[in-house]
Amino acid sequence: MTEVTFDIDFEIKNKFLNSLMVVSFQFGLEKIADAFQKRAEELFRNSQN
């Protein structure tokens, strides 16, 4: 089993924009991570055949 970790830390001085960016960035990161996992599973399945 392989585990991949990806961390980014950022802060925007404007509190409202910072809150908005945290939520937006988390959503985008989850979509990227899900796509990465799906592709890795496809490749692994194909290599087993």
N, C-alpha and C. Protein backbone atom coordinates (compact mmCIF):
# COMPACT_ATOMS: atom_id res chain seq x y z
N MET A 1 0.85 -1.18 0.00
CA MET A 1 0.00 0.00 0.00
C MET A 1 0.89 1.24 0.00
N THR A 2 0.47 2.26 -0.71
CA THR A 2 1.21 3.52 -0.79
C THR A 2 0.33 4.65 -0.28
N GLU A 3 0.92 5.54 0.48
CA GLU A 3 0.19 6.71 0.98
C GLU A 3 0.90 7.95 0.48
N VAL A 4 0.12 8.86 -0.10
CA VAL A 4 0.66 10.12 -0.60
C VAL A 4 0.10 11.24 0.26
N THR A 5 0.96 12.12 0.73
CA THR A 5 0.54 13.25 1.56
C THR A 5 0.90 14.55 0.84
N PHE A 6 -0.02 15.50 0.85
CA PHE A 6 0.19 16.78 0.20
C PHE A 6 -0.35 17.86 1.12
N ASP A 7 0.50 18.76 1.57
CA ASP A 7 0.09 19.83 2.48
C ASP A 7 0.50 21.19 1.92
N ILE A 8 -0.42 22.13 2.01
CA ILE A 8 -0.12 23.52 1.65
C ILE A 8 -0.70 24.38 2.76
N ASP A 9 0.08 25.33 3.23
CA ASP A 9 -0.37 26.24 4.28
C ASP A 9 -0.33 27.66 3.72
N PHE A 10 -1.44 28.36 3.79
CA PHE A 10 -1.48 29.74 3.31
C PHE A 10 -2.42 30.55 4.20
N GLU A 11 -2.25 31.86 4.13
CA GLU A 11 -3.13 32.75 4.88
C GLU A 11 -3.21 34.07 4.13
N ILE A 12 -4.43 34.57 3.99
CA ILE A 12 -4.67 35.87 3.37
C ILE A 12 -5.03 36.83 4.49
N LYS A 13 -4.48 38.02 4.45
CA LYS A 13 -4.70 38.97 5.55
C LYS A 13 -6.18 39.31 5.74
N ASN A 14 -6.92 39.44 4.65
CA ASN A 14 -8.34 39.73 4.74
C ASN A 14 -9.06 38.47 5.25
N LYS A 15 -9.65 38.56 6.43
CA LYS A 15 -10.27 37.39 7.09
C LYS A 15 -11.37 36.76 6.24
N PHE A 16 -12.20 37.60 5.63
CA PHE A 16 -13.29 37.07 4.80
C PHE A 16 -12.74 36.31 3.59
N LEU A 17 -11.81 36.92 2.88
CA LEU A 17 -11.21 36.26 1.72
C LEU A 17 -10.45 35.00 2.13
N ASN A 18 -9.80 35.05 3.28
CA ASN A 18 -9.08 33.89 3.77
C ASN A 18 -10.05 32.72 4.00
N SER A 19 -11.18 32.99 4.64
CA SER A 19 -12.18 31.95 4.89
C SER A 19 -12.71 31.38 3.57
N LEU A 20 -12.97 32.25 2.63
CA LEU A 20 -13.47 31.83 1.33
C LEU A 20 -12.44 30.97 0.60
N MET A 21 -11.19 31.36 0.64
CA MET A 21 -10.14 30.62 -0.04
C MET A 21 -9.91 29.26 0.61
N VAL A 22 -9.98 29.18 1.92
CA VAL A 22 -9.79 27.90 2.61
C VAL A 22 -10.83 26.89 2.13
N VAL A 23 -12.09 27.31 2.08
CA VAL A 23 -13.17 26.41 1.64
C VAL A 23 -12.98 26.05 0.17
N SER A 24 -12.72 27.03 -0.68
CA SER A 24 -12.55 26.78 -2.11
C SER A 24 -11.35 25.89 -2.37
N PHE A 25 -10.25 26.15 -1.70
CA PHE A 25 -9.05 25.37 -1.90
C PHE A 25 -9.25 23.93 -1.45
N GLN A 26 -9.93 23.74 -0.34
CA GLN A 26 -10.20 22.39 0.17
C GLN A 26 -11.04 21.61 -0.83
N PHE A 27 -12.05 22.26 -1.39
CA PHE A 27 -12.91 21.61 -2.39
C PHE A 27 -12.08 21.20 -3.60
N GLY A 28 -11.26 22.10 -4.10
CA GLY A 28 -10.43 21.81 -5.26
C GLY A 28 -9.43 20.70 -4.98
N LEU A 29 -8.83 20.73 -3.83
CA LEU A 29 -7.85 19.71 -3.45
C LEU A 29 -8.50 18.34 -3.35
N GLU A 30 -9.71 18.28 -2.82
CA GLU A 30 -10.41 17.00 -2.73
C GLU A 30 -10.72 16.44 -4.12
N LYS A 31 -11.09 17.32 -5.06
CA LYS A 31 -11.35 16.87 -6.43
C LYS A 31 -10.08 16.33 -7.07
N ILE A 32 -8.96 17.01 -6.86
CA ILE A 32 -7.68 16.55 -7.40
C ILE A 32 -7.28 15.21 -6.79
N ALA A 33 -7.42 15.10 -5.48
CA ALA A 33 -7.05 13.86 -4.79
C ALA A 33 -7.94 12.70 -5.24
N ASP A 34 -9.22 12.95 -5.41
CA ASP A 34 -10.13 11.90 -5.88
C ASP A 34 -9.77 11.44 -7.29
N ALA A 35 -9.45 12.38 -8.17
CA ALA A 35 -9.05 12.04 -9.54
C ALA A 35 -7.74 11.25 -9.54
N PHE A 36 -6.80 11.65 -8.70
CA PHE A 36 -5.52 10.95 -8.58
C PHE A 36 -5.75 9.51 -8.12
N GLN A 37 -6.58 9.34 -7.10
CA GLN A 37 -6.85 8.00 -6.57
C GLN A 37 -7.55 7.13 -7.61
N LYS A 38 -8.53 7.69 -8.30
CA LYS A 38 -9.26 6.93 -9.31
C LYS A 38 -8.32 6.45 -10.41
N ARG A 39 -7.45 7.34 -10.88
CA ARG A 39 -6.51 6.97 -11.95
C ARG A 39 -5.50 5.93 -11.45
N ALA A 40 -5.03 6.08 -10.24
CA ALA A 40 -4.09 5.10 -9.69
C ALA A 40 -4.74 3.73 -9.58
N GLU A 41 -6.00 3.68 -9.16
CA GLU A 41 -6.71 2.41 -9.07
C GLU A 41 -6.89 1.78 -10.43
N GLU A 42 -7.20 2.59 -11.46
CA GLU A 42 -7.35 2.08 -12.82
C GLU A 42 -6.03 1.49 -13.32
N LEU A 43 -4.95 2.22 -13.11
CA LEU A 43 -3.65 1.74 -13.56
C LEU A 43 -3.24 0.46 -12.83
N PHE A 44 -3.52 0.39 -11.54
CA PHE A 44 -3.17 -0.79 -10.76
C PHE A 44 -3.98 -1.99 -11.23
N ARG A 45 -5.28 -1.78 -11.46
CA ARG A 45 -6.13 -2.87 -11.94
C ARG A 45 -5.63 -3.39 -13.29
N ASN A 46 -5.27 -2.48 -14.20
CA ASN A 46 -4.79 -2.87 -15.52
C ASN A 46 -3.45 -3.60 -15.45
N SER A 47 -2.63 -3.26 -14.49
CA SER A 47 -1.33 -3.92 -14.38
C SER A 47 -1.45 -5.32 -13.79
N GLN A 48 -2.57 -5.61 -13.15
CA GLN A 48 -2.79 -6.92 -12.55
C GLN A 48 -3.25 -7.95 -13.60
N ASN A 49 -3.75 -7.48 -14.74
CA ASN A 49 -4.26 -8.38 -15.79
C ASN A 49 -3.20 -8.82 -16.73
